Amino acid sequence: MNKRLINKTAVYVQNELADAEGGHDWHHIKRVWINAQKIAENEDVDMEVVELAALLHDIADPKFHNGNEDIGPQTARNYLESTSLNEEKKDHVINIIKHMSFKNSLEEKTFGSNEMDVVQDADRLDAIGAIGIARAFNYGGFKNRIIFDSSIFPKINLTKEEYKNTSAPSINHFYEKLLLLKDKMNTTTGRKIAEKRHQFMLSFLEQFYEEVGVPDWIHS
């Protein structure tokens, strides 16, 4: 593996995301990068592809580019074309970036690899647990969404377009995505870590409902 390229890519991403929203900034990327390395220890993968995909997966998130799902893969492609990485690995990294998001899992799967399984799990782990809670409310604040409205129930089994266009309260996001991720993990390591984080979110929600005075809200 070309560690020089990996380090160069980390610097590039850190600079590109210097002004990014707090839940999708360099710190998010770094956590995913670390998660991916940990998960990959027990998987048969090309570590160069794993690390590059982890570093570049949110280089231009569609949420911050008017829903444009091409800009992220293209931005990553433009960067990789400036490197000595071979074409097969470039294509692999780009395919991971194109297909790994939660919203794309709401459609028929058209691409998969061991490397994507690792990076996808690493990214999903950063969406759950304590950090997932923090990120959910940070993004909700960024979008000026209300935290909770007991009259607006979560919509289960959203389509990709419904998920992309939702403006529901931040609490609803737990039911529409975050609490679903535990059962979508691909790897043994990812599932093990996800279980603990999932339970933390359930405890948080229980306490939240007690404090806002609607302990039976989701079941009513």
Protein backbone atom coordinates (compact mmCIF):
# COMPACT_ATOMS: atom_id res chain seq x y z
CA MET A 1 0.00 0.00 0.00
CA ASN A 2 1.20 3.48 -0.87
CA LYS A 3 1.12 5.23 2.50
CA ARG A 4 2.40 8.41 0.93
CA LEU A 5 -0.72 8.53 -1.25
CA ILE A 6 -2.95 7.82 1.74
CA ASN A 7 -1.39 10.63 3.75
CA LYS A 8 -1.55 13.00 0.77
CA THR A 9 -5.25 12.17 0.37
CA ALA A 10 -5.91 12.81 4.06
CA VAL A 11 -4.36 16.27 3.75
CA TYR A 12 -6.38 16.97 0.59
CA VAL A 13 -9.66 15.96 2.24
CA GLN A 14 -8.91 17.92 5.41
CA ASN A 15 -8.32 21.06 3.34
CA GLU A 16 -11.38 20.53 1.15
CA LEU A 17 -13.71 20.07 4.13
CA ALA A 18 -12.28 22.86 6.28
CA ASP A 19 -15.61 24.73 6.25
CA ALA A 20 -17.96 21.74 6.11
CA GLU A 21 -21.02 21.22 8.33
CA GLY A 22 -19.92 19.76 11.66
CA GLY A 23 -21.42 16.32 11.13
CA HIS A 24 -19.82 15.84 7.72
CA ASP A 25 -16.46 17.51 8.22
CA TRP A 26 -12.89 16.25 8.44
CA HIS A 27 -13.51 14.90 11.95
CA HIS A 28 -16.28 12.67 10.57
CA ILE A 29 -13.96 11.49 7.80
CA LYS A 30 -11.18 10.74 10.27
CA ARG A 31 -13.49 8.68 12.47
CA VAL A 32 -14.71 6.68 9.47
CA TRP A 33 -11.11 6.19 8.35
CA ILE A 34 -10.16 4.83 11.79
CA ASN A 35 -13.29 2.65 11.95
CA ALA A 36 -12.50 1.23 8.51
CA GLN A 37 -8.97 0.30 9.51
CA LYS A 38 -10.25 -1.45 12.63
CA ILE A 39 -12.94 -3.40 10.78
CA ALA A 40 -10.56 -4.34 7.96
CA GLU A 41 -8.24 -6.14 10.37
CA ASN A 42 -10.61 -9.10 10.23
CA GLU A 43 -11.51 -8.91 6.54
CA ASP A 44 -9.90 -9.95 3.27
CA VAL A 45 -9.62 -6.58 1.54
CA ASP A 46 -7.34 -4.28 -0.42
CA MET A 47 -6.41 -1.77 2.27
CA GLU A 48 -5.42 0.91 -0.22
CA VAL A 49 -8.92 0.85 -1.71
CA VAL A 50 -10.51 0.78 1.74
CA GLU A 51 -8.55 3.75 3.06
CA LEU A 52 -8.95 5.87 -0.06
CA ALA A 53 -12.69 5.22 -0.18
CA ALA A 54 -13.05 6.02 3.52
CA LEU A 55 -11.17 9.28 3.08
CA LEU A 56 -12.99 10.37 -0.08
CA HIS A 57 -16.52 9.08 0.58
CA ASP A 58 -17.94 12.46 1.62
CA ILE A 59 -15.70 14.77 -0.39
CA ALA A 60 -18.84 16.36 -1.88
CA ASP A 61 -21.93 15.06 -0.10
CA PRO A 62 -25.09 15.49 -2.23
CA LYS A 63 -26.94 16.97 0.78
CA PHE A 64 -24.80 20.08 0.44
CA HIS A 65 -24.90 20.22 -3.36
CA ASN A 66 -28.63 20.43 -4.13
CA GLY A 67 -28.97 16.64 -4.12
CA ASN A 68 -26.45 16.16 -6.94
CA GLU A 69 -25.31 12.54 -6.59
CA ASP A 70 -22.69 12.83 -9.33
CA ILE A 71 -20.56 15.58 -7.82
CA GLY A 72 -19.04 13.44 -5.06
CA PRO A 73 -17.83 10.60 -7.30
CA GLN A 74 -16.66 13.11 -9.91
CA THR A 75 -14.74 15.18 -7.38
CA ALA A 76 -13.09 12.03 -6.08
CA ARG A 77 -12.36 10.93 -9.66
CA ASN A 78 -10.74 14.28 -10.47
CA TYR A 79 -8.49 13.95 -7.45
CA LEU A 80 -7.54 10.34 -8.15
CA GLU A 81 -6.67 11.18 -11.75
CA SER A 82 -3.87 13.34 -10.35
CA THR A 83 -2.36 10.32 -8.60
CA SER A 84 -0.48 7.22 -9.76
CA LEU A 85 -3.23 4.86 -8.58
CA ASN A 86 -4.05 2.26 -11.25
CA GLU A 87 -7.33 2.48 -13.15
CA GLU A 88 -8.84 -0.65 -11.61
CA LYS A 89 -8.42 0.71 -8.10
CA LYS A 90 -9.67 4.16 -9.12
CA ASP A 91 -12.84 2.58 -10.49
CA HIS A 92 -13.25 0.49 -7.35
CA VAL A 93 -12.97 3.52 -5.05
CA ILE A 94 -15.43 5.50 -7.17
CA ASN A 95 -17.93 2.64 -7.19
CA ILE A 96 -17.79 2.44 -3.41
CA ILE A 97 -18.46 6.16 -3.13
CA LYS A 98 -21.36 5.90 -5.60
CA HIS A 99 -23.12 3.01 -3.89
CA MET A 100 -22.35 3.01 -0.16
CA SER A 101 -24.82 5.59 1.16
CA PHE A 102 -27.90 4.66 3.18
CA LYS A 103 -30.23 6.24 0.62
CA ASN A 104 -28.80 4.01 -2.10
CA SER A 105 -29.49 0.96 0.05
CA LEU A 106 -33.18 1.81 -0.38
CA GLU A 107 -32.87 0.80 -4.03
CA GLU A 108 -31.85 -2.48 -5.65
CA LYS A 109 -28.19 -3.24 -5.00
CA THR A 110 -26.09 -2.95 -8.17
CA PHE A 111 -22.54 -3.04 -6.78
CA GLY A 112 -20.79 -4.72 -3.91
CA SER A 113 -17.35 -5.73 -2.69
CA ASN A 114 -15.61 -6.69 0.53
CA GLU A 115 -14.01 -3.25 0.53
CA MET A 116 -17.37 -1.51 0.28
CA ASP A 117 -18.71 -3.66 3.11
CA VAL A 118 -15.91 -2.38 5.35
CA VAL A 119 -16.23 1.30 4.43
CA GLN A 120 -20.02 1.17 4.57
CA ASP A 121 -19.93 -0.32 8.07
CA ALA A 122 -17.35 2.26 9.17
CA ASP A 123 -19.55 5.10 7.94
CA ARG A 124 -22.70 3.64 9.47
CA LEU A 125 -21.01 3.26 12.84
CA ASP A 126 -20.41 7.01 12.84
CA ALA A 127 -24.15 7.53 12.35
CA ILE A 128 -25.15 5.69 15.53
CA GLY A 129 -24.33 5.73 19.22
CA ALA A 130 -23.35 8.92 21.03
CA ILE A 131 -21.62 10.41 18.00
CA GLY A 132 -24.61 9.53 15.83
CA ILE A 133 -26.94 11.36 18.19
CA ALA A 134 -24.66 14.41 18.18
CA ARG A 135 -24.46 14.40 14.39
CA ALA A 136 -28.21 14.00 13.96
CA PHE A 137 -28.99 17.06 16.03
CA ASN A 138 -26.10 19.05 14.56
CA TYR A 139 -27.45 18.48 11.05
CA GLY A 140 -31.00 19.14 12.19
CA GLY A 141 -29.88 22.49 13.56
CA PHE A 142 -27.99 23.22 10.36
CA LYS A 143 -31.24 22.63 8.43
CA ASN A 144 -33.29 24.54 11.02
CA ARG A 145 -35.45 21.52 11.77
CA ILE A 146 -37.43 21.16 14.95
CA ILE A 147 -36.16 18.61 17.46
CA PHE A 148 -39.45 16.87 18.16
CA ASP A 149 -43.16 17.16 17.42
CA SER A 150 -45.41 14.52 18.97
CA SER A 151 -47.95 15.02 16.18
CA ILE A 152 -45.49 14.06 13.42
CA PHE A 153 -44.83 10.33 13.43
CA PRO A 154 -41.87 8.73 11.64
CA LYS A 155 -42.44 7.27 8.18
CA ILE A 156 -41.17 3.72 7.96
CA ASN A 157 -39.94 2.13 4.71
CA LEU A 158 -39.21 5.39 2.95
CA THR A 159 -38.29 5.33 -0.71
CA LYS A 160 -35.00 6.88 -1.75
CA GLU A 161 -36.71 10.04 -2.99
CA GLU A 162 -38.82 10.35 0.16
CA TYR A 163 -35.71 9.96 2.30
CA LYS A 164 -33.80 12.57 0.31
CA ASN A 165 -36.63 15.11 0.54
CA THR A 166 -37.69 14.65 4.15
CA SER A 167 -37.78 17.65 6.49
CA ALA A 168 -39.10 15.73 9.49
CA PRO A 169 -38.07 16.51 13.09
CA SER A 170 -34.66 15.25 14.16
CA ILE A 171 -36.10 12.59 16.47
CA ASN A 172 -37.89 11.00 13.52
CA HIS A 173 -34.51 10.41 11.88
CA PHE A 174 -33.77 7.75 14.51
CA TYR A 175 -36.67 5.64 13.24
CA GLU A 176 -36.24 6.45 9.57
CA LYS A 177 -32.51 5.60 9.54
CA LEU A 178 -30.38 5.36 12.67
CA LEU A 179 -32.17 2.51 14.44
CA LEU A 180 -32.19 0.52 11.19
CA LEU A 181 -28.42 0.49 10.76
CA LYS A 182 -27.59 -2.21 13.32
CA ASP A 183 -29.28 -4.84 11.19
CA LYS A 184 -27.66 -3.55 8.00
CA MET A 185 -24.08 -4.12 9.11
CA ASN A 186 -22.01 -6.27 6.78
CA THR A 187 -19.12 -7.47 8.96
CA THR A 188 -18.77 -9.29 12.27
CA THR A 189 -16.76 -6.42 13.76
CA GLY A 190 -19.26 -3.86 12.52
CA ARG A 191 -22.18 -5.79 14.01
CA LYS A 192 -20.45 -6.11 17.37
CA ILE A 193 -19.71 -2.41 17.67
CA ALA A 194 -23.14 -1.46 16.33
CA GLU A 195 -24.97 -3.47 18.98
CA LYS A 196 -23.55 -1.40 21.82
CA ARG A 197 -24.19 1.89 20.03
CA HIS A 198 -27.73 0.85 19.15
CA GLN A 199 -28.54 0.15 22.79
CA PHE A 200 -27.18 3.57 23.75
CA MET A 201 -29.57 5.23 21.30
CA LEU A 202 -32.51 3.31 22.73
CA SER A 203 -31.56 4.46 26.23
CA PHE A 204 -31.26 8.03 25.00
CA LEU A 205 -34.72 7.93 23.42
CA GLU A 206 -36.27 6.48 26.56
CA GLN A 207 -34.80 9.31 28.63
CA PHE A 208 -35.77 11.89 26.01
CA TYR A 209 -39.43 10.87 26.03
CA GLU A 210 -39.49 10.87 29.82
CA GLU A 211 -38.15 14.42 29.88
CA VAL A 212 -40.57 15.77 27.25
CA GLY A 213 -43.49 13.99 28.91
CA VAL A 214 -44.50 11.53 26.20
CA PRO A 215 -42.95 8.21 27.28
CA ASP A 216 -45.33 6.17 25.13
CA TRP A 217 -45.24 8.44 22.07
CA ILE A 218 -43.85 6.01 19.52
CA HIS A 219 -46.35 3.31 20.56
CA SER A 220 -49.41 5.53 20.74
